[in-house]
C-alpha atoms as a PDB file:
ATOM      1  CA  MET A   1      93.589 115.380 128.097  1.00  0.00           C
ATOM      2  CA  GLN A   2      95.220 112.374 129.769  1.00  0.00           C
ATOM      3  CA  HIS A   3      98.769 112.389 130.994  1.00  0.00           C
ATOM      4  CA  GLU A   4     101.263 110.073 129.294  1.00  0.00           C
ATOM      5  CA  ILE A   5     102.201 106.977 131.247  1.00  0.00           C
ATOM      6  CA  PRO A   6     105.650 106.797 132.489  1.00  0.00           C
ATOM      7  CA  THR A   7     107.724 103.762 131.638  1.00  0.00           C
ATOM      8  CA  GLN A   8     108.686 102.781 134.997  1.00  0.00           C
ATOM      9  CA  PRO A   9     107.699 103.529 138.642  1.00  0.00           C
ATOM     10  CA  PHE A  10     108.393 107.021 140.534  1.00  0.00           C
ATOM     11  CA  GLU A  11     109.251 108.919 137.173  1.00  0.00           C
ATOM     12  CA  LYS A  12     106.186 111.313 137.629  1.00  0.00           C
ATOM     13  CA  LEU A  13     104.258 111.906 140.817  1.00  0.00           C
ATOM     14  CA  ALA A  14     101.083 113.949 141.931  1.00  0.00           C
ATOM     15  CA  ALA A  15     100.638 115.495 145.215  1.00  0.00           C
ATOM     16  CA  ASP A  16      97.497 117.095 146.961  1.00  0.00           C
ATOM     17  CA  ILE A  17      96.483 118.413 150.314  1.00  0.00           C
ATOM     18  CA  PHE A  18      92.812 117.100 151.405  1.00  0.00           C
ATOM     19  CA  HIS A  19      90.693 117.596 154.471  1.00  0.00           C
ATOM     20  CA  LEU A  20      88.582 114.879 156.255  1.00  0.00           C
ATOM     21  CA  ASP A  21      86.883 114.784 159.679  1.00  0.00           C
ATOM     22  CA  GLY A  22      88.694 117.715 160.921  1.00  0.00           C
ATOM     23  CA  GLN A  23      92.024 116.609 159.930  1.00  0.00           C
ATOM     24  CA  ASP A  24      94.603 117.545 157.111  1.00  0.00           C
ATOM     25  CA  PHE A  25      96.362 115.006 154.955  1.00  0.00           C
ATOM     26  CA  LEU A  26      99.242 115.139 152.518  1.00  0.00           C
ATOM     27  CA  LEU A  27      98.592 112.548 149.423  1.00  0.00           C
ATOM     28  CA  VAL A  28     101.277 111.601 147.154  1.00  0.00           C
ATOM     29  CA  ALA A  29     100.604 109.136 144.374  1.00  0.00           C
ATOM     30  CA  ASP A  30     102.753 107.542 141.462  1.00  0.00           C
ATOM     31  CA  TYR A  31     101.539 108.027 137.928  1.00  0.00           C
ATOM     32  CA  TYR A  32     102.671 104.349 137.031  1.00  0.00           C
ATOM     33  CA  SER A  33     101.948 102.054 140.063  1.00  0.00           C
ATOM     34  CA  LYS A  34      98.962 104.331 141.296  1.00  0.00           C
ATOM     35  CA  MET A  35     100.530 103.851 144.643  1.00  0.00           C
ATOM     36  CA  PRO A  36      99.113 106.375 147.236  1.00  0.00           C
ATOM     37  CA  PHE A  37     101.384 107.620 150.134  1.00  0.00           C
ATOM     38  CA  VAL A  38      99.452 109.280 152.856  1.00  0.00           C
ATOM     39  CA  LYS A  39     100.716 111.673 155.769  1.00  0.00           C
ATOM     40  CA  SER A  40      98.499 113.028 158.366  1.00  0.00           C
ATOM     41  CA  LEU A  41      99.473 116.743 158.921  1.00  0.00           C
ATOM     42  CA  LYS A  42      99.803 118.500 162.227  1.00  0.00           C
ATOM     43  CA  THR A  43     100.049 121.882 160.459  1.00  0.00           C
ATOM     44  CA  LEU A  44      99.714 123.162 156.852  1.00  0.00           C
ATOM     45  CA  THR A  45     103.046 124.638 156.895  1.00  0.00           C
ATOM     46  CA  ILE A  46     105.270 124.603 153.699  1.00  0.00           C
ATOM     47  CA  LYS A  47     108.009 122.928 155.853  1.00  0.00           C
ATOM     48  CA  GLU A  48     105.967 119.887 157.054  1.00  0.00           C
ATOM     49  CA  THR A  49     104.933 119.601 153.364  1.00  0.00           C
ATOM     50  CA  ILE A  50     108.584 119.473 152.082  1.00  0.00           C
ATOM     51  CA  ASP A  51     109.652 117.275 155.079  1.00  0.00           C
ATOM     52  CA  TYR A  52     107.248 114.534 154.077  1.00  0.00           C
ATOM     53  CA  LEU A  53     108.392 114.640 150.350  1.00  0.00           C
ATOM     54  CA  GLU A  54     111.733 114.666 151.297  1.00  0.00           C
ATOM     55  CA  SER A  55     111.323 111.469 153.439  1.00  0.00           C
ATOM     56  CA  VAL A  56     109.302 109.791 150.545  1.00  0.00           C
ATOM     57  CA  PHE A  57     112.019 110.597 148.022  1.00  0.00           C
ATOM     58  CA  ALA A  58     114.765 109.354 150.419  1.00  0.00           C
ATOM     59  CA  ILE A  59     113.312 105.907 150.407  1.00  0.00           C
ATOM     60  CA  HIS A  60     112.055 105.650 146.918  1.00  0.00           C
ATOM     61  CA  GLY A  61     114.134 107.951 144.860  1.00  0.00           C
ATOM     62  CA  ILE A  62     113.606 111.389 143.416  1.00  0.00           C
ATOM     63  CA  PRO A  63     111.144 111.633 140.585  1.00  0.00           C
ATOM     64  CA  LYS A  64     111.534 113.350 137.358  1.00  0.00           C
ATOM     65  CA  MET A  65     108.463 115.296 137.808  1.00  0.00           C
ATOM     66  CA  ILE A  66     105.745 116.129 140.135  1.00  0.00           C
ATOM     67  CA  ILE A  67     102.313 117.860 139.595  1.00  0.00           C
ATOM     68  CA  THR A  68     100.325 119.546 142.318  1.00  0.00           C
ATOM     69  CA  ASP A  69      97.731 122.164 142.426  1.00  0.00           C
ATOM     70  CA  ASN A  70      98.228 125.981 143.160  1.00  0.00           C
ATOM     71  CA  ALA A  71      98.056 125.701 147.013  1.00  0.00           C
ATOM     72  CA  ARG A  72     100.544 128.148 148.855  1.00  0.00           C
ATOM     73  CA  GLN A  73     102.450 124.773 150.207  1.00  0.00           C
ATOM     74  CA  PHE A  74     103.400 124.139 146.485  1.00  0.00           C
ATOM     75  CA  THR A  75     103.602 127.605 144.910  1.00  0.00           C
ATOM     76  CA  SER A  76     105.936 129.035 147.663  1.00  0.00           C
ATOM     77  CA  ALA A  77     109.339 130.237 147.137  1.00  0.00           C
ATOM     78  CA  GLU A  78     110.607 127.455 149.720  1.00  0.00           C
ATOM     79  CA  PHE A  79     108.860 124.659 147.456  1.00  0.00           C
ATOM     80  CA  HIS A  80     110.481 126.292 144.248  1.00  0.00           C
ATOM     81  CA  GLU A  81     113.870 126.241 145.974  1.00  0.00           C
ATOM     82  CA  PHE A  82     113.209 122.385 146.972  1.00  0.00           C
ATOM     83  CA  SER A  83     112.690 121.411 143.416  1.00  0.00           C
ATOM     84  CA  ARG A  84     115.565 123.215 142.253  1.00  0.00           C
ATOM     85  CA  MET A  85     117.807 121.569 144.986  1.00  0.00           C
ATOM     86  CA  TRP A  86     116.455 117.892 144.658  1.00  0.00           C
ATOM     87  CA  ASP A  87     116.518 118.373 140.764  1.00  0.00           C
ATOM     88  CA  PHE A  88     113.026 117.485 139.638  1.00  0.00           C
ATOM     89  CA  LYS A  89     110.483 119.584 137.524  1.00  0.00           C
ATOM     90  CA  HIS A  90     107.621 120.815 139.351  1.00  0.00           C
ATOM     91  CA  THR A  91     104.327 121.598 137.294  1.00  0.00           C
ATOM     92  CA  THR A  92     101.051 123.177 138.729  1.00  0.00           C
ATOM     93  CA  SER A  93      97.605 122.361 137.208  1.00  0.00           C
ATOM     94  CA  SER A  94      95.256 125.021 135.903  1.00  0.00           C
ATOM     95  CA  PRO A  95      93.813 127.401 138.705  1.00  0.00           C
ATOM     96  CA  HIS A  96      90.209 126.418 139.632  1.00  0.00           C
ATOM     97  CA  TYR A  97      90.285 123.540 137.449  1.00  0.00           C
ATOM     98  CA  PRO A  98      91.299 120.545 139.301  1.00  0.00           C
ATOM     99  CA  GLN A  99      89.935 118.179 136.473  1.00  0.00           C
ATOM    100  CA  SER A 100      93.413 119.098 134.693  1.00  0.00           C
ATOM    101  CA  ASN A 101      95.118 116.808 137.236  1.00  0.00           C
ATOM    102  CA  GLY A 102      91.969 114.238 137.553  1.00  0.00           C
ATOM    103  CA  PHE A 103      94.530 111.233 138.468  1.00  0.00           C
ATOM    104  CA  ILE A 104      95.248 112.690 142.043  1.00  0.00           C
ATOM    105  CA  GLU A 105      91.706 113.881 142.278  1.00  0.00           C
ATOM    106  CA  ARG A 106      90.279 110.499 141.705  1.00  0.00           C
ATOM    107  CA  THR A 107      92.957 109.089 144.364  1.00  0.00           C
ATOM    108  CA  VAL A 108      92.066 111.416 146.953  1.00  0.00           C
ATOM    109  CA  GLN A 109      88.283 110.159 146.735  1.00  0.00           C
ATOM    110  CA  THR A 110      89.512 106.444 146.872  1.00  0.00           C
ATOM    111  CA  VAL A 111      91.776 107.236 149.981  1.00  0.00           C
ATOM    112  CA  LYS A 112      88.957 109.288 151.719  1.00  0.00           C
ATOM    113  CA  ASN A 113      86.523 106.468 150.916  1.00  0.00           C
ATOM    114  CA  CYS A 114      88.823 104.009 152.505  1.00  0.00           C
ATOM    115  CA  LEU A 115      89.606 106.034 155.579  1.00  0.00           C
ATOM    116  CA  LYS A 116      86.002 106.754 156.189  1.00  0.00           C
ATOM    117  CA  LYS A 117      85.250 102.948 155.853  1.00  0.00           C
ATOM    118  CA  ALA A 118      87.960 101.982 158.198  1.00  0.00           C
ATOM    119  CA  LYS A 119      86.629 104.574 160.762  1.00  0.00           C
ATOM    120  CA  ALA A 120      83.318 103.328 160.434  1.00  0.00           C
ATOM    121  CA  GLU A 121      84.317  99.641 161.037  1.00  0.00           C
ATOM    122  CA  LYS A 122      86.619 100.763 163.735  1.00  0.00           C
ATOM    123  CA  GLN A 123      89.746  99.346 161.796  1.00  0.00           C
ATOM    124  CA  ASN A 124      93.310 100.360 162.077  1.00  0.00           C
ATOM    125  CA  PRO A 125      93.611 102.980 159.055  1.00  0.00           C
ATOM    126  CA  GLN A 126      97.017 101.771 158.299  1.00  0.00           C
ATOM    127  CA  LEU A 127      95.763  98.297 157.712  1.00  0.00           C
ATOM    128  CA  ALA A 128      93.115  99.609 155.634  1.00  0.00           C
ATOM    129  CA  LEU A 129      95.525 101.564 153.464  1.00  0.00           C
ATOM    130  CA  LEU A 130      97.581  98.369 153.112  1.00  0.00           C
ATOM    131  CA  ALA A 131      94.508  96.463 151.901  1.00  0.00           C
ATOM    132  CA  LEU A 132      94.113  99.248 149.306  1.00  0.00           C
ATOM    133  CA  ARG A 133      97.686  99.107 148.016  1.00  0.00           C
ATOM    134  CA  THR A 134      97.808  95.249 147.952  1.00  0.00           C
ATOM    135  CA  THR A 135      94.234  95.007 145.872  1.00  0.00           C
ATOM    136  CA  PRO A 136      94.826  94.122 142.302  1.00  0.00           C
ATOM    137  CA  ILE A 137      93.942  97.257 139.958  1.00  0.00           C
ATOM    138  CA  ASP A 138      91.649  95.226 137.771  1.00  0.00           C
ATOM    139  CA  ASN A 139      91.790  91.551 136.277  1.00  0.00           C
ATOM    140  CA  ALA A 140      94.694  92.355 134.198  1.00  0.00           C
ATOM    141  CA  LEU A 141      96.803  94.496 136.427  1.00  0.00           C
ATOM    142  CA  PRO A 142      98.355  93.502 139.670  1.00  0.00           C
ATOM    143  CA  SER A 143      98.079  95.739 143.071  1.00  0.00           C
ATOM    144  CA  THR A 144      99.635  98.982 143.115  1.00  0.00           C
ATOM    145  CA  ALA A 145     102.168  97.701 145.680  1.00  0.00           C
ATOM    146  CA  GLU A 146     103.481  94.907 143.258  1.00  0.00           C
ATOM    147  CA  LEU A 147     103.710  97.442 140.440  1.00  0.00           C
ATOM    148  CA  LEU A 148     105.841  99.663 142.472  1.00  0.00           C
ATOM    149  CA  PHE A 149     108.022  96.709 144.323  1.00  0.00           C
ATOM    150  CA  ASN A 150     108.173  94.445 141.484  1.00  0.00           C
ATOM    151  CA  ARG A 151     107.063  91.949 144.216  1.00  0.00           C
ATOM    152  CA  LYS A 152     104.304  90.318 146.379  1.00  0.00           C
ATOM    153  CA  VAL A 153     103.603  92.604 149.493  1.00  0.00           C
ATOM    154  CA  LYS A 154     102.081  90.634 152.542  1.00  0.00           C
ATOM    155  CA  SER A 155      98.756  91.709 153.992  1.00  0.00           C
ATOM    156  CA  GLN A 156      95.815  90.265 155.573  1.00  0.00           C
ATOM    157  CA  LEU A 157      94.099  89.901 152.223  1.00  0.00           C
ATOM    158  CA  PRO A 158      94.213  86.187 150.459  1.00  0.00           C
ATOM    159  CA  HIS A 159      96.185  86.276 147.320  1.00  0.00           C
ATOM    160  CA  VAL A 160      97.513  83.977 144.656  1.00  0.00           C
ATOM    161  CA  ILE A 161     101.031  83.954 143.339  1.00  0.00           C
ATOM    162  CA  HIS A 162     101.308  84.907 139.735  1.00  0.00           C
ATOM    163  CA  HIS A 163     104.382  84.880 137.455  1.00  0.00           C
ATOM    164  CA  ASP A 164     106.400  88.169 137.303  1.00  0.00           C
ATOM    165  CA  HIS A 165     104.739  90.764 135.027  1.00  0.00           C
ATOM    166  CA  ARG A 166     107.291  92.236 132.436  1.00  0.00           C
ATOM    167  CA  THR A 167     107.449  96.035 132.033  1.00  0.00           C
ATOM    168  CA  GLU A 168     106.001  96.111 128.456  1.00  0.00           C
ATOM    169  CA  GLN A 169     103.336  93.990 128.984  1.00  0.00           C
ATOM    170  CA  ILE A 170     102.095  96.033 132.104  1.00  0.00           C
ATOM    171  CA  LYS A 171     102.332  99.300 130.287  1.00  0.00           C
ATOM    172  CA  HIS A 172     100.344  97.848 127.217  1.00  0.00           C
ATOM    173  CA  GLN A 173      97.805  96.883 129.826  1.00  0.00           C
ATOM    174  CA  LEU A 174      97.920 100.493 131.531  1.00  0.00           C
ATOM    175  CA  LEU A 175      97.425 102.083 128.004  1.00  0.00           C
ATOM    176  CA  GLU A 176      94.485  99.865 127.385  1.00  0.00           C
ATOM    177  CA  ARG A 177      92.987 100.716 130.687  1.00  0.00           C
ATOM    178  CA  GLN A 178      93.517 104.298 129.791  1.00  0.00           C
ATOM    179  CA  LYS A 179      91.666 104.096 126.282  1.00  0.00           C
ATOM    180  CA  ILE A 180      88.672 102.507 127.805  1.00  0.00           C
ATOM    181  CA  GLN A 181      88.728 105.462 130.337  1.00  0.00           C
ATOM    182  CA  LYS A 182      89.166 107.879 127.545  1.00  0.00           C
ATOM    183  CA  LYS A 183      86.436 106.399 125.529  1.00  0.00           C
ATOM    184  CA  TYR A 184      83.751 106.686 128.219  1.00  0.00           C
ATOM    185  CA  PHE A 185      85.012 110.330 129.098  1.00  0.00           C
ATOM    186  CA  ASP A 186      84.969 111.515 125.462  1.00  0.00           C
ATOM    187  CA  LYS A 187      81.292 110.698 124.920  1.00  0.00           C
ATOM    188  CA  ASN A 188      80.126 113.774 126.634  1.00  0.00           C
ATOM    189  CA  THR A 189      83.225 116.166 125.937  1.00  0.00           C
ATOM    190  CA  ARG A 190      84.388 117.872 122.650  1.00  0.00           C
ATOM    191  CA  ASP A 191      87.815 119.532 121.938  1.00  0.00           C
ATOM    192  CA  LEU A 192      87.635 123.346 121.974  1.00  0.00           C
ATOM    193  CA  PRO A 193      89.419 125.503 119.368  1.00  0.00           C
ATOM    194  CA  PRO A 194      92.923 126.742 120.357  1.00  0.00           C
ATOM    195  CA  LEU A 195      93.201 130.752 121.076  1.00  0.00           C
ATOM    196  CA  ILE A 196      96.108 132.900 119.713  1.00  0.00           C
ATOM    197  CA  GLU A 197      98.047 135.805 121.285  1.00  0.00           C
ATOM    198  CA  ASN A 198      96.274 138.876 121.486  1.00  0.00           C
ATOM    199  CA  GLN A 199      92.677 137.407 121.080  1.00  0.00           C
ATOM    200  CA  GLN A 200      89.826 138.879 122.710  1.00  0.00           C
ATOM    201  CA  VAL A 201      88.216 136.365 125.082  1.00  0.00           C
ATOM    202  CA  SER A 202      85.548 136.415 127.914  1.00  0.00           C
ATOM    203  CA  VAL A 203      86.865 134.428 131.206  1.00  0.00           C
ATOM    204  CA  GLN A 204      84.731 133.116 133.850  1.00  0.00           C
ATOM    205  CA  ASN A 205      84.691 133.802 137.648  1.00  0.00           C
ATOM    206  CA  ALA A 206      85.020 130.577 139.233  1.00  0.00           C
ATOM    207  CA  THR A 207      83.210 131.926 142.263  1.00  0.00           C
ATOM    208  CA  THR A 208      80.269 133.664 140.635  1.00  0.00           C
ATOM    209  CA  GLY A 209      80.133 132.143 137.270  1.00  0.00           C
ATOM    210  CA  LEU A 210      79.930 135.545 135.551  1.00  0.00           C
ATOM    211  CA  TRP A 211      81.875 136.207 132.461  1.00  0.00           C
ATOM    212  CA  SER A 212      84.326 139.264 131.960  1.00  0.00           C
ATOM    213  CA  PRO A 213      86.521 140.507 129.110  1.00  0.00           C
ATOM    214  CA  ALA A 214      90.158 139.507 128.938  1.00  0.00           C
ATOM    215  CA  THR A 215      93.045 139.414 126.555  1.00  0.00           C
ATOM    216  CA  ILE A 216      95.134 136.059 125.477  1.00  0.00           C
ATOM    217  CA  ILE A 217      98.884 137.047 126.429  1.00  0.00           C
ATOM    218  CA  LYS A 218     100.253 133.719 125.549  1.00  0.00           C
ATOM    219  CA  SER A 219      99.601 129.967 125.985  1.00  0.00           C
ATOM    220  CA  ASN A 220     101.073 128.491 128.718  1.00  0.00           C
ATOM    221  CA  ASP A 221     103.289 125.334 128.706  1.00  0.00           C
ATOM    222  CA  GLU A 222     100.620 122.841 130.158  1.00  0.00           C
ATOM    223  CA  PRO A 223      97.944 121.606 127.928  1.00  0.00           C
ATOM    224  CA  ARG A 224      94.952 123.799 127.287  1.00  0.00           C
ATOM    225  CA  SER A 225      96.501 126.529 129.675  1.00  0.00           C
ATOM    226  CA  TYR A 226      96.631 130.257 128.979  1.00  0.00           C
ATOM    227  CA  ILE A 227      97.988 133.637 130.515  1.00  0.00           C
ATOM    228  CA  ILE A 228      95.476 136.214 130.134  1.00  0.00           C
ATOM    229  CA  GLU A 229      95.335 139.834 131.100  1.00  0.00           C
ATOM    230  CA  THR A 230      91.991 141.505 132.523  1.00  0.00           C
ATOM    231  CA  PRO A 231      91.169 145.393 131.573  1.00  0.00           C
ATOM    232  CA  GLU A 232      92.552 146.075 134.992  1.00  0.00           C
ATOM    233  CA  GLY A 233      95.885 144.929 134.111  1.00  0.00           C
ATOM    234  CA  THR A 234      95.843 141.765 136.351  1.00  0.00           C
ATOM    235  CA  THR A 235      97.745 138.759 134.795  1.00  0.00           C
ATOM    236  CA  LEU A 236      95.960 135.252 135.350  1.00  0.00           C
ATOM    237  CA  ARG A 237      96.302 131.898 134.401  1.00  0.00           C
ATOM    238  CA  ARG A 238      93.367 130.081 133.161  1.00  0.00           C
ATOM    239  CA  ASN A 239      92.412 126.671 131.621  1.00  0.00           C
ATOM    240  CA  ARG A 240      90.573 126.499 128.180  1.00  0.00           C
ATOM    241  CA  ARG A 241      87.451 125.397 129.662  1.00  0.00           C
ATOM    242  CA  HIS A 242      87.115 128.732 131.382  1.00  0.00           C
ATOM    243  CA  LEU A 243      87.887 131.018 128.334  1.00  0.00           C
ATOM    244  CA  LYS A 244      85.726 131.596 125.149  1.00  0.00           C
ATOM    245  CA  ASP A 245      85.993 133.878 122.244  1.00  0.00           C
ATOM    246  CA  SER A 246      84.202 136.964 122.396  1.00  0.00           C
ATOM    247  CA  SER A 247      83.566 137.263 118.724  1.00  0.00           C
ATOM    248  CA  ARG A 248      81.535 134.062 119.062  1.00  0.00           C
ATOM    249  CA  THR A 249      79.665 135.274 122.008  1.00  0.00           C
ATOM    250  CA  ARG A 250      76.141 136.299 121.152  1.00  0.00           C
ATOM    251  CA  GLN A 251      73.874 138.207 123.508  1.00  0.00           C
ATOM    252  CA  LEU A 252      70.483 137.253 124.256  1.00  0.00           C
ATOM    253  CA  GLU A 253      67.684 139.543 122.702  1.00  0.00           C
ATOM    254  CA  PRO A 254      64.737 140.464 124.876  1.00  0.00           C
ATOM    255  CA  CYS A 255      61.701 138.705 124.154  1.00  0.00           C
ATOM    256  CA  ILE A 256      59.197 141.362 122.578  1.00  0.00           C
ATOM    257  CA  GLU A 257      55.475 140.562 123.235  1.00  0.00           C
ATOM    258  CA  PRO A 258      53.522 140.608 119.838  1.00  0.00           C
ATOM    259  CA  ASP A 259      50.716 143.367 119.770  1.00  0.00           C
ATOM    260  CA  ILE A 260      47.379 141.542 120.633  1.00  0.00           C
ATOM    261  CA  ASP A 261      45.664 143.625 118.165  1.00  0.00           C
ATOM    262  CA  ASP A 262      47.776 141.898 115.076  1.00  0.00           C
ATOM    263  CA  PRO A 263      46.167 138.514 114.831  1.00  0.00           C
ATOM    264  CA  GLY A 264      49.216 137.656 112.531  1.00  0.00           C
ATOM    265  CA  GLU A 265      51.623 137.771 115.446  1.00  0.00           C
ATOM    266  CA  CYS A 266      49.533 135.389 117.704  1.00  0.00           C
ATOM    267  CA  ASN A 267      52.126 132.439 118.481  1.00  0.00           C
ATOM    268  CA  THR A 268      49.517 129.831 119.478  1.00  0.00           C
ATOM    269  CA  GLU A 269      49.094 126.430 118.482  1.00  0.00           C
ATOM    270  CA  VAL A 270      45.245 126.846 118.187  1.00  0.00           C
ATOM    271  CA  ASN A 271      43.650 128.535 115.226  1.00  0.00           C
ATOM    272  CA  ASP A 272      41.760 131.761 116.065  1.00  0.00           C
ATOM    273  CA  PRO A 273      38.123 131.790 114.965  1.00  0.00           C
ATOM    274  CA  PRO A 274      37.289 133.948 111.881  1.00  0.00           C
ATOM    275  CA  THR A 275      37.203 137.655 112.867  1.00  0.00           C
ATOM    276  CA  THR A 276      34.157 139.799 112.278  1.00  0.00           C
ATOM    277  CA  PRO A 277      34.836 142.361 109.474  1.00  0.00           C
ATOM    278  CA  LYS A 278      35.606 145.911 110.918  1.00  0.00           C
ATOM    279  CA  THR A 279      32.519 147.344 109.486  1.00  0.00           C
ATOM    280  CA  THR A 280      30.060 145.219 111.563  1.00  0.00           C
ATOM    281  CA  PRO A 281      31.846 145.396 115.219  1.00  0.00           C
ATOM    282  CA  ALA A 282      30.153 143.897 118.310  1.00  0.00           C
ATOM    283  CA  PRO A 283      31.066 146.327 121.040  1.00  0.00           C
ATOM    284  CA  THR A 284      28.908 144.747 123.588  1.00  0.00           C
ATOM    285  CA  ARG A 285      30.260 141.427 123.163  1.00  0.00           C
ATOM    286  CA  PRO A 286      33.045 140.678 125.657  1.00  0.00           C
ATOM    287  CA  PRO A 287      36.608 139.549 124.178  1.00  0.00           C
ATOM    288  CA  GLU A 288      36.790 136.033 123.465  1.00  0.00           C
ATOM    289  CA  ARG A 289      39.738 134.064 125.036  1.00  0.00           C
ATOM    290  CA  CYS A 290      42.255 132.134 122.937  1.00  0.00           C
ATOM    291  CA  VAL A 291      41.142 128.653 123.851  1.00  0.00           C
ATOM    292  CA  PRO A 292      41.311 125.437 121.831  1.00  0.00           C
ATOM    293  CA  SER A 293      38.469 124.967 119.427  1.00  0.00           C
ATOM    294  CA  MET A 294      35.952 122.752 121.261  1.00  0.00           C
ATOM    295  CA  ALA A 295      32.534 122.964 119.998  1.00  0.00           C
ATOM    296  CA  PRO A 296      29.789 122.732 122.494  1.00  0.00           C
ATOM    297  CA  PRO A 297      27.465 119.683 122.623  1.00  0.00           C
ATOM    298  CA  ASN A 298      24.747 120.126 120.126  1.00  0.00           C
ATOM    299  CA  THR A 299      21.594 118.900 121.757  1.00  0.00           C
ATOM    300  CA  ARG A 300      19.340 119.830 118.697  1.00  0.00           C
ATOM    301  CA  GLY A 301      17.654 116.801 117.078  1.00  0.00           C
ATOM    302  CA  ILE A 302      18.455 114.584 119.978  1.00  0.00           C
ATOM    303  CA  LYS A 303      15.430 112.700 121.340  1.00  0.00           C
ATOM    304  CA  ASN A 304      14.156 113.164 125.028  1.00  0.00           C
ATOM    305  CA  GLY A 305      16.081 111.288 127.347  1.00  0.00           C
ATOM    306  CA  ALA A 306      19.264 111.037 125.013  1.00  0.00           C
ATOM    307  CA  SER A 307      22.338 112.735 125.842  1.00  0.00           C
ATOM    308  CA  GLN A 308      25.685 113.729 123.850  1.00  0.00           C
ATOM    309  CA  THR A 309      29.162 113.428 125.094  1.00  0.00           C
ATOM    310  CA  ARG A 310      31.689 116.268 124.785  1.00  0.00           C
ATOM    311  CA  SER A 311      33.081 114.627 121.712  1.00  0.00           C
ATOM    312  CA  GLY A 312      29.711 114.667 120.001  1.00  0.00           C
ATOM    313  CA  ARG A 313      28.707 110.951 120.546  1.00  0.00           C
ATOM    314  CA  LYS A 314      25.063 110.498 121.232  1.00  0.00           C
ATOM    315  CA  VAL A 315      23.922 108.146 124.135  1.00  0.00           C
ATOM    316  CA  ASN A 316      20.699 106.612 124.360  1.00  0.00           C
ATOM    317  CA  PRO A 317      19.524 105.307 127.594  1.00  0.00           C
ATOM    318  CA  PRO A 318      18.367 101.657 127.751  1.00  0.00           C
ATOM    319  CA  LYS A 319      14.894 100.965 126.781  1.00  0.00           C
ATOM    320  CA  ARG A 320      13.987  99.323 130.021  1.00  0.00           C
ATOM    321  CA  TYR A 321      14.185 102.865 131.751  1.00  0.00           C
ATOM    322  CA  ASP A 322      11.561 104.179 129.364  1.00  0.00           C
ATOM    323  CA  ASP A 323       8.832 103.775 132.010  1.00  0.00           C
ATOM    324  CA  PHE A 324      10.369 105.993 134.501  1.00  0.00           C
ATOM    325  CA  ILE A 325      10.439 108.974 132.091  1.00  0.00           C
END
């Protein structure tokens, strides 16, 4: 499920912490403009995470909502108090399912590639990030910096001056871009049926991939997210993708090998030769192997010097070789 596009910049943000070349980074991205803000972290403390978010909000304003994963920096009591004091809604994605916040995951990969390229070319990483922010999103949309600031941002990249983009026009272009992305994504996906309260399900372990029984407690506020309870009494939150209806689960039956004495159970593509009646057994003859019916070459009735292929075609040598027989 795709997130709804905001009506203006900095209404909805996403944040994530990623690791690159032995260093930790905090990434904040705007859902409307796609603008990435990157901060190198000295430590992975909750305080440093909150301090950077406060500095971003102090410049660009407080968002209505921020979406993160379930890292301890974002699920701590300190971060909860931070969201209450600064008056913004904090939502987390489904555990072990980063795809539910796919926008920030794609932005992480884009920023990683940008920093890797800058390091390989011995370029200033801040200039590389500036080039990323001032590059048009596509042929119909301006750069992330222009969408955020509503003006051209000077960089070392050549650019042309366009007329001002109206908000409604930009939102329409963003929607069209999102529809195209959804079209290609939906080719290999299908909607799973919703689950109800007290329904018996199986939940997949994200580490081992094994399935174990559980019970649906309720659906969560986030789309396709459920609160479940295990037989041990543990309460978990899982995405619909990691849950399946136990009543629809079918166990695989063991494959039973047919009795080799019963020719009717022989599941081969080659027909067996006619069996000899039981009244005339041939105990001295070894059992025949089940092989494709291939008659041996029939050499009877073939003249001397002639040969026959395996398919039965007769081959006669040229007459000029008759003197050598």
